[in-house]
N, C-alpha and C. Protein backbone atom coordinates (compact mmCIF):
# COMPACT_ATOMS: atom_id res chain seq x y z
N MET A 1 119.58 -250.57 24.84
CA MET A 1 120.57 -249.96 26.46
C MET A 1 120.80 -248.88 27.08
N ASN A 2 120.43 -249.06 28.35
CA ASN A 2 120.30 -247.91 29.41
C ASN A 2 122.05 -247.40 29.68
N LEU A 3 121.58 -246.19 30.50
CA LEU A 3 122.63 -245.35 30.51
C LEU A 3 124.07 -246.13 31.44
N GLU A 4 123.51 -246.90 32.37
CA GLU A 4 124.23 -247.73 33.70
C GLU A 4 125.09 -248.74 32.55
N GLU A 5 124.13 -249.23 31.65
CA GLU A 5 125.17 -250.35 30.73
C GLU A 5 125.93 -250.02 30.01
N SER A 6 125.21 -248.92 29.24
CA SER A 6 126.51 -248.19 28.51
C SER A 6 127.73 -247.53 29.14
N ILE A 7 127.49 -247.17 30.19
CA ILE A 7 128.94 -246.83 31.01
C ILE A 7 129.79 -248.72 31.40
N LYS A 8 128.81 -249.12 31.92
CA LYS A 8 129.47 -250.22 32.69
C LYS A 8 130.38 -250.70 31.27
N LEU A 9 130.21 -251.12 29.98
CA LEU A 9 130.56 -251.87 28.79
C LEU A 9 131.84 -251.01 28.13
N THR A 10 131.87 -250.06 28.63
CA THR A 10 132.83 -248.74 28.34
C THR A 10 133.61 -249.47 29.45
N VAL A 11 133.78 -249.20 30.74
CA VAL A 11 134.30 -249.26 31.63
C VAL A 11 135.11 -250.74 31.85
N GLU A 12 134.67 -251.68 31.03
CA GLU A 12 134.92 -252.73 30.98
C GLU A 12 136.04 -253.03 30.06
N SER A 13 135.78 -252.17 28.80
CA SER A 13 136.91 -252.44 27.40
C SER A 13 137.89 -251.92 28.39
N LEU A 14 137.81 -250.92 29.13
CA LEU A 14 139.25 -249.85 29.78
C LEU A 14 140.01 -251.14 30.69
N GLY A 15 139.48 -252.18 31.02
CA GLY A 15 140.18 -253.26 31.76
C GLY A 15 139.90 -253.09 33.03
N VAL A 16 138.77 -252.27 33.39
CA VAL A 16 138.61 -252.46 35.06
C VAL A 16 137.12 -252.29 34.96
N GLU A 17 136.32 -252.45 36.22
CA GLU A 17 134.99 -253.17 36.90
C GLU A 17 134.43 -251.84 37.19
N LEU A 18 133.22 -251.73 37.03
CA LEU A 18 132.05 -250.53 37.06
C LEU A 18 131.83 -251.37 39.04
N TYR A 19 132.22 -250.32 39.77
CA TYR A 19 132.32 -250.64 41.47
C TYR A 19 130.64 -249.71 41.43
N ASP A 20 130.52 -248.68 41.40
CA ASP A 20 129.02 -248.15 41.77
C ASP A 20 129.32 -246.53 41.14
N ILE A 21 127.46 -246.65 40.47
CA ILE A 21 127.34 -244.78 40.33
C ILE A 21 126.42 -244.13 41.33
N THR A 22 126.89 -243.12 41.41
CA THR A 22 125.75 -242.03 42.54
C THR A 22 125.76 -240.82 41.91
N THR A 23 124.30 -240.23 42.46
CA THR A 23 124.52 -239.10 42.00
C THR A 23 124.08 -237.85 43.17
N ALA A 24 125.21 -236.79 43.28
CA ALA A 24 124.82 -236.10 44.53
C ALA A 24 124.81 -234.53 44.57
N ARG A 25 123.92 -233.63 44.96
CA ARG A 25 123.89 -232.30 45.07
C ARG A 25 125.14 -231.62 46.27
N GLU A 26 125.95 -230.91 46.06
CA GLU A 26 126.73 -230.21 46.74
C GLU A 26 126.83 -228.87 46.26
N HIS A 27 126.12 -228.21 47.25
CA HIS A 27 125.87 -226.59 46.76
C HIS A 27 124.78 -226.36 45.63
N SER A 28 125.04 -225.80 44.43
CA SER A 28 124.14 -225.46 42.85
C SER A 28 124.64 -226.95 41.90
N ASP A 29 125.93 -227.54 42.39
CA ASP A 29 125.90 -228.15 41.80
C ASP A 29 125.87 -229.66 41.36
N THR A 30 125.62 -230.46 40.68
CA THR A 30 124.95 -231.80 40.74
C THR A 30 126.31 -232.77 40.32
N ILE A 31 126.16 -233.46 40.88
CA ILE A 31 127.89 -234.63 40.50
C ILE A 31 127.34 -235.78 40.49
N TYR A 32 128.39 -236.27 39.15
CA TYR A 32 127.81 -237.83 38.94
C TYR A 32 128.66 -238.23 39.01
N ARG A 33 129.05 -239.40 39.87
CA ARG A 33 130.06 -239.83 40.65
C ARG A 33 129.74 -241.89 40.06
N VAL A 34 131.34 -241.91 39.48
CA VAL A 34 131.62 -243.38 38.82
C VAL A 34 132.69 -243.81 39.47
N SER A 35 132.25 -245.14 40.26
CA SER A 35 133.54 -245.86 40.82
C SER A 35 133.71 -246.95 40.14
N ILE A 36 135.16 -247.25 40.12
CA ILE A 36 135.44 -248.37 39.50
C ILE A 36 136.75 -249.05 40.31
N THR A 37 137.10 -250.44 40.03
CA THR A 37 137.90 -251.17 40.85
C THR A 37 138.66 -251.83 39.28
N SER A 38 139.67 -252.52 40.31
CA SER A 38 140.27 -253.60 39.32
C SER A 38 141.86 -253.83 40.43
N LYS A 39 141.58 -255.49 40.04
CA LYS A 39 142.18 -256.53 41.09
C LYS A 39 143.88 -255.48 41.12
N ASP A 40 144.47 -254.71 40.09
CA ASP A 40 145.67 -254.51 40.24
C ASP A 40 145.59 -253.09 40.77
N GLY A 41 144.77 -252.47 41.16
CA GLY A 41 144.36 -250.54 41.82
C GLY A 41 143.80 -250.05 40.92
N VAL A 42 143.47 -248.90 40.62
CA VAL A 42 143.04 -247.83 40.33
C VAL A 42 143.98 -246.74 40.63
N ASN A 43 144.69 -246.06 39.51
CA ASN A 43 145.55 -244.89 39.38
C ASN A 43 144.98 -243.79 38.90
N LEU A 44 145.19 -242.96 38.91
CA LEU A 44 144.87 -241.09 38.76
C LEU A 44 144.64 -241.32 37.17
N ASP A 45 145.58 -241.95 36.38
CA ASP A 45 145.88 -242.18 34.53
C ASP A 45 144.26 -242.87 34.32
N LYS A 46 143.98 -244.32 34.56
CA LYS A 46 143.17 -245.23 34.46
C LYS A 46 141.94 -244.62 34.50
N CYS A 47 141.40 -243.49 36.15
CA CYS A 47 140.50 -242.84 36.33
C CYS A 47 140.53 -241.70 35.49
N ALA A 48 141.93 -241.13 34.91
CA ALA A 48 141.30 -240.17 33.49
C ALA A 48 141.02 -240.76 32.07
N GLU A 49 141.12 -241.74 31.71
CA GLU A 49 140.92 -242.70 30.92
C GLU A 49 139.82 -243.11 30.87
N VAL A 50 138.94 -243.29 31.92
CA VAL A 50 137.63 -243.50 31.96
C VAL A 50 136.98 -242.29 31.75
N SER A 51 137.22 -241.41 32.21
CA SER A 51 136.63 -239.96 32.26
C SER A 51 136.38 -239.72 31.19
N ARG A 52 137.88 -239.37 30.35
CA ARG A 52 137.43 -239.28 28.63
C ARG A 52 136.46 -240.11 28.30
N MET A 53 136.51 -241.52 27.97
CA MET A 53 135.84 -242.43 27.75
C MET A 53 133.95 -242.35 27.52
N ILE A 54 134.12 -242.04 28.87
CA ILE A 54 132.24 -242.20 29.24
C ILE A 54 131.81 -240.72 28.96
N SER A 55 132.53 -239.51 29.55
CA SER A 55 131.98 -238.26 29.43
C SER A 55 131.18 -237.87 27.90
N PRO A 56 131.67 -238.49 26.52
CA PRO A 56 130.46 -238.24 25.51
C PRO A 56 129.36 -238.66 25.79
N ILE A 57 129.40 -240.21 26.45
CA ILE A 57 127.75 -241.30 26.70
C ILE A 57 127.10 -239.77 27.56
N LEU A 58 127.86 -239.39 28.39
CA LEU A 58 126.76 -238.86 29.38
C LEU A 58 126.52 -237.36 28.70
N ASP A 59 126.80 -236.74 27.61
CA ASP A 59 126.76 -235.39 26.61
C ASP A 59 125.66 -236.10 26.07
N LEU A 60 125.80 -237.54 25.80
CA LEU A 60 124.35 -237.98 24.81
C LEU A 60 123.33 -238.00 25.42
N ASP A 61 123.24 -238.99 26.54
CA ASP A 61 122.42 -239.04 27.11
C ASP A 61 122.48 -238.38 28.61
N GLU A 62 122.34 -237.04 28.54
CA GLU A 62 122.60 -236.51 29.98
C GLU A 62 122.09 -237.33 31.30
N PRO A 63 122.63 -237.55 32.64
CA PRO A 63 121.70 -238.17 33.21
C PRO A 63 120.89 -237.91 33.89
N LEU A 64 120.91 -236.72 34.45
CA LEU A 64 120.35 -236.11 35.50
C LEU A 64 119.75 -234.49 34.44
N GLY A 65 119.41 -234.45 33.27
CA GLY A 65 118.49 -233.20 32.97
C GLY A 65 119.32 -232.01 32.81
N GLY A 66 120.65 -231.93 32.83
CA GLY A 66 121.14 -230.73 32.75
C GLY A 66 122.42 -230.63 32.95
N ASN A 67 123.17 -229.37 33.41
CA ASN A 67 124.34 -229.33 34.07
C ASN A 67 125.04 -230.05 35.08
N TYR A 68 126.16 -230.74 34.91
CA TYR A 68 126.87 -232.08 36.11
C TYR A 68 128.16 -231.99 35.75
N LYS A 69 128.59 -232.47 36.93
CA LYS A 69 130.63 -232.56 37.38
C LYS A 69 130.28 -234.32 36.76
N LEU A 70 131.41 -234.63 36.27
CA LEU A 70 131.85 -236.27 36.09
C LEU A 70 133.11 -236.13 37.14
N GLU A 71 132.58 -237.28 38.11
CA GLU A 71 133.64 -237.85 39.06
C GLU A 71 134.25 -239.18 38.96
N VAL A 72 135.35 -239.44 38.34
CA VAL A 72 135.77 -240.98 38.47
C VAL A 72 136.63 -241.41 39.33
N SER A 73 136.44 -242.24 40.22
CA SER A 73 137.48 -242.83 41.12
C SER A 73 137.30 -243.91 41.53
N SER A 74 137.77 -244.70 42.64
CA SER A 74 138.17 -245.60 43.10
C SER A 74 137.61 -245.90 44.35
N PRO A 75 136.48 -246.65 44.62
CA PRO A 75 136.02 -246.90 46.03
C PRO A 75 136.12 -246.40 47.21
N GLY A 76 137.95 -246.91 46.81
CA GLY A 76 138.75 -246.44 47.99
C GLY A 76 138.65 -247.96 48.93
N ILE A 77 139.33 -247.98 49.99
CA ILE A 77 139.41 -249.00 51.27
C ILE A 77 138.29 -249.00 52.12
N GLU A 78 138.20 -248.16 52.87
CA GLU A 78 136.54 -248.28 53.16
C GLU A 78 135.16 -247.71 52.30
N ARG A 79 134.80 -248.57 51.77
CA ARG A 79 133.60 -248.68 50.65
C ARG A 79 132.63 -249.06 51.27
N LYS A 80 131.41 -248.47 50.60
CA LYS A 80 130.45 -249.04 51.31
C LYS A 80 129.95 -250.55 50.28
N LEU A 81 129.16 -251.28 50.88
CA LEU A 81 129.31 -252.55 50.37
C LEU A 81 127.49 -252.52 49.82
N LYS A 82 126.96 -252.56 48.83
CA LYS A 82 125.91 -252.70 48.53
C LYS A 82 125.14 -253.66 47.43
N SER A 83 125.98 -254.51 46.98
CA SER A 83 125.37 -255.50 46.18
C SER A 83 126.14 -257.02 46.57
N THR A 84 125.83 -257.56 45.92
CA THR A 84 126.17 -259.25 46.17
C THR A 84 127.80 -259.47 45.75
N ASN A 85 127.69 -259.26 44.46
CA ASN A 85 129.18 -258.86 43.87
C ASN A 85 130.06 -258.12 44.47
N HIS A 86 129.66 -256.64 45.69
CA HIS A 86 130.65 -256.04 46.77
C HIS A 86 131.45 -257.07 47.58
N PHE A 87 129.95 -257.71 48.33
CA PHE A 87 130.01 -258.66 49.19
C PHE A 87 131.46 -259.57 49.14
N ILE A 88 130.85 -260.33 47.80
CA ILE A 88 131.95 -261.35 47.18
C ILE A 88 133.23 -261.48 46.95
N ALA A 89 133.41 -259.85 46.00
CA ALA A 89 134.84 -259.11 46.08
C ALA A 89 135.78 -259.37 47.72
N SER A 90 134.95 -258.61 48.23
CA SER A 90 135.39 -258.48 49.65
C SER A 90 135.66 -259.34 50.41
N ILE A 91 135.59 -260.84 50.54
CA ILE A 91 136.19 -261.78 51.04
C ILE A 91 137.24 -261.69 51.32
N GLY A 92 137.89 -261.88 53.53
CA GLY A 92 138.61 -261.58 53.86
C GLY A 92 138.91 -260.27 53.91
N GLU A 93 138.03 -259.28 53.97
CA GLU A 93 138.46 -258.07 54.54
C GLU A 93 137.61 -257.50 55.94
N ASN A 94 137.80 -256.48 56.55
CA ASN A 94 137.06 -256.25 57.75
C ASN A 94 136.17 -255.67 56.89
N VAL A 95 135.31 -255.60 57.76
CA VAL A 95 133.51 -255.46 57.65
C VAL A 95 133.11 -255.31 58.38
N LYS A 96 132.07 -253.87 58.25
CA LYS A 96 131.23 -253.31 59.70
C LYS A 96 129.13 -253.67 58.86
N VAL A 97 128.71 -254.33 59.67
CA VAL A 97 127.27 -254.52 58.98
C VAL A 97 126.17 -254.64 60.19
N LYS A 98 125.57 -253.70 59.74
CA LYS A 98 124.38 -252.93 60.54
C LYS A 98 122.90 -253.82 59.63
N ASP A 99 121.95 -253.93 60.47
CA ASP A 99 120.74 -255.10 59.93
C ASP A 99 119.52 -254.48 60.93
N ILE A 100 118.70 -255.08 60.12
CA ILE A 100 116.96 -254.59 60.76
C ILE A 100 116.73 -254.54 61.76
N ALA A 101 117.39 -254.94 62.49
CA ALA A 101 117.63 -255.36 63.88
C ALA A 101 117.99 -254.35 64.85
N THR A 102 118.90 -253.41 63.81
CA THR A 102 119.78 -252.53 64.45
C THR A 102 121.29 -253.07 65.24
N GLU A 103 121.67 -254.11 65.30
CA GLU A 103 122.82 -254.71 65.65
C GLU A 103 123.85 -254.80 64.68
N VAL A 104 125.13 -254.17 65.03
CA VAL A 104 125.98 -253.97 64.47
C VAL A 104 126.96 -255.37 64.69
N TYR A 105 127.36 -255.27 63.30
CA TYR A 105 128.72 -257.05 63.81
C TYR A 105 129.52 -256.35 62.64
N LYS A 106 130.77 -256.36 63.27
CA LYS A 106 131.94 -256.08 63.20
C LYS A 106 132.99 -257.17 63.25
N GLY A 107 134.12 -257.66 61.66
CA GLY A 107 135.00 -258.42 61.77
C GLY A 107 135.79 -259.29 60.44
N LYS A 108 136.07 -259.64 60.38
CA LYS A 108 136.77 -260.03 58.93
C LYS A 108 134.97 -261.02 58.32
N LEU A 109 135.01 -260.45 56.65
CA LEU A 109 133.93 -261.37 56.06
C LEU A 109 134.62 -262.98 55.96
N THR A 110 134.08 -263.59 56.28
CA THR A 110 134.89 -265.55 55.47
C THR A 110 134.66 -265.70 54.63
N SER A 111 132.58 -265.22 54.12
CA SER A 111 131.83 -266.07 53.29
C SER A 111 131.34 -265.35 52.66
N ALA A 112 130.65 -265.38 51.46
CA ALA A 112 129.84 -264.56 50.77
C ALA A 112 129.06 -265.34 49.38
N ASP A 113 127.86 -265.39 49.67
CA ASP A 113 127.42 -266.45 48.37
C ASP A 113 126.19 -265.21 47.80
N LYS A 114 125.36 -265.73 47.37
CA LYS A 114 124.32 -265.14 47.02
C LYS A 114 123.11 -264.74 47.72
N GLU A 115 123.24 -265.95 48.58
CA GLU A 115 121.57 -265.46 49.71
C GLU A 115 122.17 -264.61 50.93
N LYS A 116 123.65 -265.43 51.33
CA LYS A 116 124.11 -264.65 52.82
C LYS A 116 125.66 -264.56 52.86
N ILE A 117 125.89 -263.61 54.25
CA ILE A 117 127.33 -263.82 54.27
C ILE A 117 127.19 -264.26 55.74
N THR A 118 128.86 -264.28 55.74
CA THR A 118 129.59 -264.95 57.52
C THR A 118 130.65 -264.07 57.75
N ILE A 119 130.37 -263.89 58.93
CA ILE A 119 131.76 -262.58 59.27
C ILE A 119 131.84 -263.48 60.70
N GLU A 120 133.76 -263.55 60.96
CA GLU A 120 134.40 -263.79 61.68
C GLU A 120 134.51 -262.51 62.82
N THR A 121 133.57 -262.26 63.71
CA THR A 121 133.21 -261.46 64.99
C THR A 121 134.45 -261.59 66.13
N GLU A 122 134.61 -261.35 67.06
CA GLU A 122 135.16 -261.43 68.40
C GLU A 122 134.66 -262.10 69.21
N PHE A 123 133.36 -262.47 68.81
CA PHE A 123 132.38 -263.19 69.66
C PHE A 123 131.85 -264.33 69.01
N GLY A 124 132.53 -264.72 67.78
CA GLY A 124 132.04 -265.69 66.85
C GLY A 124 131.84 -265.69 65.52
N GLU A 125 132.04 -266.82 64.70
CA GLU A 125 130.69 -266.54 63.63
C GLU A 125 129.36 -265.95 63.52
N GLU A 126 129.01 -265.30 62.67
CA GLU A 126 127.71 -264.52 62.66
C GLU A 126 127.23 -264.81 61.30
N THR A 127 126.38 -265.55 60.78
CA THR A 127 125.83 -265.86 59.24
C THR A 127 124.36 -264.61 59.36
N ILE A 128 124.58 -263.43 58.36
CA ILE A 128 123.81 -263.12 57.70
C ILE A 128 122.77 -262.83 56.37
N GLU A 129 121.78 -262.49 56.68
CA GLU A 129 121.36 -262.74 55.03
C GLU A 129 121.02 -261.43 54.30
N TYR A 130 120.90 -261.44 53.26
CA TYR A 130 120.86 -259.98 52.35
C TYR A 130 119.78 -259.13 52.86
N GLY A 131 118.51 -260.07 53.21
CA GLY A 131 117.29 -259.22 53.18
C GLY A 131 117.64 -258.64 54.70
N SER A 132 118.66 -258.62 55.69
CA SER A 132 118.48 -258.60 56.81
C SER A 132 118.94 -257.00 57.19
N ILE A 133 120.32 -257.05 55.67
CA ILE A 133 121.01 -255.78 55.71
C ILE A 133 120.73 -254.30 55.60
N LEU A 134 120.73 -253.73 56.86
CA LEU A 134 120.64 -252.51 56.29
C LEU A 134 121.93 -251.37 55.64
N SER A 135 123.18 -251.87 56.01
CA SER A 135 124.21 -251.15 55.95
C SER A 135 125.21 -251.94 55.82
N ALA A 136 126.37 -251.55 54.62
CA ALA A 136 127.61 -252.48 55.32
C ALA A 136 128.73 -251.53 54.52
N SER A 137 129.95 -251.64 55.12
CA SER A 137 131.05 -251.15 54.75
C SER A 137 132.21 -251.74 55.14
N THR A 138 132.78 -251.62 54.49
CA THR A 138 134.59 -252.82 54.87
C THR A 138 135.16 -251.10 55.38
N TYR A 139 136.12 -252.05 56.41
CA TYR A 139 136.61 -251.20 57.15
C TYR A 139 138.18 -251.10 57.07
N PHE A 140 138.85 -249.90 57.63
CA PHE A 140 140.44 -250.37 57.81
C PHE A 140 140.87 -249.98 59.44
N GLU A 141 141.84 -251.47 60.22
CA GLU A 141 142.60 -251.02 61.45
C GLU A 141 143.50 -250.21 61.39
N TRP A 142 143.62 -248.82 61.43
CA TRP A 142 144.32 -247.89 61.76
C TRP A 142 145.85 -247.85 62.50
């Protein structure tokens, strides 16, 4: 079992889902970021609990070969969509998608399956296959 699978199993045992794992460098610090989601929402107590449970896993199998800082959080209301599951879980939300032709589509995500997504834009429905998506995120109308 690899490190990500261990973290995923631990996170799920605590009643939340693993959304994403990323690493970043800020100044001289290496940051290991774990994003979690839940249908009931994610609060500070749940983030702290997840952090306490996965920290020993990272201490045994250091992900970055040295010192790091661990951050556990919700991906937020405006979040990147990277996987098929991210899109499926975001049906009904506003999304912004950039495709390989650098066209940008903004609107409500009306459907998503294993092959494509459909967005209701101000100009009508747009269907985009995952292989054509360069970047995507949810957005909130303030």
